[in-house]
Amino acid sequence: MEYLKKIPPNIYLIFSLIFITIAIAVLFLGEFIFAILSLVFGLVSLIAWTFFGLFEETKNK
């Protein structure tokens, strides 16, 4: 779990936006399985961004 804290929260936000956008695009193409998988990855990334963003230690240096 320690290696997940080393990744900046902005990366999680970028990946979540990319995956959710891909899910919407694939949904219009009619590939529902790939859209659902991409949406799940996007939501997991968004939850990780929220969790690590809220509880990130502030650096006052």
C-alpha atoms as a PDB file:
ATOM      1  CA  MET A   1       0.000   0.000   0.000  1.00  0.00           C
ATOM      2  CA  GLU A   2       2.979   2.235   0.542  1.00  0.00           C
ATOM      3  CA  TYR A   3       3.786   2.404  -3.179  1.00  0.00           C
ATOM      4  CA  LEU A   4       0.280   3.752  -3.896  1.00  0.00           C
ATOM      5  CA  LYS A   5       0.948   6.750  -1.656  1.00  0.00           C
ATOM      6  CA  LYS A   6       3.998   7.673  -3.738  1.00  0.00           C
ATOM      7  CA  ILE A   7       1.866   8.304  -6.840  1.00  0.00           C
ATOM      8  CA  PRO A   8       0.606  11.908  -6.982  1.00  0.00           C
ATOM      9  CA  PRO A   9      -3.197  12.258  -6.709  1.00  0.00           C
ATOM     10  CA  ASN A  10      -3.285  14.207  -9.987  1.00  0.00           C
ATOM     11  CA  ILE A  11      -2.301  11.042 -11.862  1.00  0.00           C
ATOM     12  CA  TYR A  12      -5.358   9.248 -10.480  1.00  0.00           C
ATOM     13  CA  LEU A  13      -7.571  12.119 -11.640  1.00  0.00           C
ATOM     14  CA  ILE A  14      -6.091  12.095 -15.139  1.00  0.00           C
ATOM     15  CA  PHE A  15      -6.537   8.332 -15.478  1.00  0.00           C
ATOM     16  CA  SER A  16     -10.098   8.492 -14.218  1.00  0.00           C
ATOM     17  CA  LEU A  17     -11.009  11.171 -16.747  1.00  0.00           C
ATOM     18  CA  ILE A  18      -9.339   9.214 -19.549  1.00  0.00           C
ATOM     19  CA  PHE A  19     -11.106   5.960 -18.648  1.00  0.00           C
ATOM     20  CA  ILE A  20     -14.516   7.602 -18.258  1.00  0.00           C
ATOM     21  CA  THR A  21     -14.112   9.391 -21.594  1.00  0.00           C
ATOM     22  CA  ILE A  22     -13.110   6.135 -23.269  1.00  0.00           C
ATOM     23  CA  ALA A  23     -16.146   4.434 -21.716  1.00  0.00           C
ATOM     24  CA  ILE A  24     -18.489   7.054 -23.178  1.00  0.00           C
ATOM     25  CA  ALA A  25     -16.863   6.814 -26.618  1.00  0.00           C
ATOM     26  CA  VAL A  26     -16.959   3.011 -26.644  1.00  0.00           C
ATOM     27  CA  LEU A  27     -20.582   3.063 -25.511  1.00  0.00           C
ATOM     28  CA  PHE A  28     -21.517   4.976 -28.655  1.00  0.00           C
ATOM     29  CA  LEU A  29     -19.749   2.304 -30.703  1.00  0.00           C
ATOM     30  CA  GLY A  30     -21.952  -0.366 -29.167  1.00  0.00           C
ATOM     31  CA  GLU A  31     -19.303  -2.346 -27.284  1.00  0.00           C
ATOM     32  CA  PHE A  32     -21.018  -2.511 -23.906  1.00  0.00           C
ATOM     33  CA  ILE A  33     -18.580  -4.897 -22.210  1.00  0.00           C
ATOM     34  CA  PHE A  34     -15.573  -2.673 -22.955  1.00  0.00           C
ATOM     35  CA  ALA A  35     -17.536   0.413 -21.920  1.00  0.00           C
ATOM     36  CA  ILE A  36     -18.449  -1.134 -18.584  1.00  0.00           C
ATOM     37  CA  LEU A  37     -14.867  -2.262 -17.935  1.00  0.00           C
ATOM     38  CA  SER A  38     -13.480   1.144 -18.787  1.00  0.00           C
ATOM     39  CA  LEU A  39     -16.089   2.847 -16.613  1.00  0.00           C
ATOM     40  CA  VAL A  40     -15.233   0.601 -13.665  1.00  0.00           C
ATOM     41  CA  PHE A  41     -11.519   1.409 -14.038  1.00  0.00           C
ATOM     42  CA  GLY A  42     -12.374   5.097 -14.256  1.00  0.00           C
ATOM     43  CA  LEU A  43     -14.521   4.996 -11.134  1.00  0.00           C
ATOM     44  CA  VAL A  44     -11.884   3.090  -9.173  1.00  0.00           C
ATOM     45  CA  SER A  45      -9.321   5.676 -10.217  1.00  0.00           C
ATOM     46  CA  LEU A  46     -11.676   8.492  -9.216  1.00  0.00           C
ATOM     47  CA  ILE A  47     -12.243   6.926  -5.796  1.00  0.00           C
ATOM     48  CA  ALA A  48      -8.474   6.522  -5.349  1.00  0.00           C
ATOM     49  CA  TRP A  49      -7.969  10.177  -6.312  1.00  0.00           C
ATOM     50  CA  THR A  50     -10.593  11.258  -3.789  1.00  0.00           C
ATOM     51  CA  PHE A  51      -9.187   9.084  -1.036  1.00  0.00           C
ATOM     52  CA  PHE A  52      -5.535   9.987  -1.535  1.00  0.00           C
ATOM     53  CA  GLY A  53      -6.349  13.632  -2.293  1.00  0.00           C
ATOM     54  CA  LEU A  54      -8.341  14.118   0.884  1.00  0.00           C
ATOM     55  CA  PHE A  55      -5.898  12.370   3.172  1.00  0.00           C
ATOM     56  CA  GLU A  56      -2.699  13.592   1.589  1.00  0.00           C
ATOM     57  CA  GLU A  57      -0.277  14.974   4.105  1.00  0.00           C
ATOM     58  CA  THR A  58       0.359  18.654   3.592  1.00  0.00           C
ATOM     59  CA  LYS A  59       3.976  19.607   3.145  1.00  0.00           C
ATOM     60  CA  ASN A  60       4.851  22.907   4.773  1.00  0.00           C
ATOM     61  CA  LYS A  61       8.476  22.929   3.694  1.00  0.00           C
END
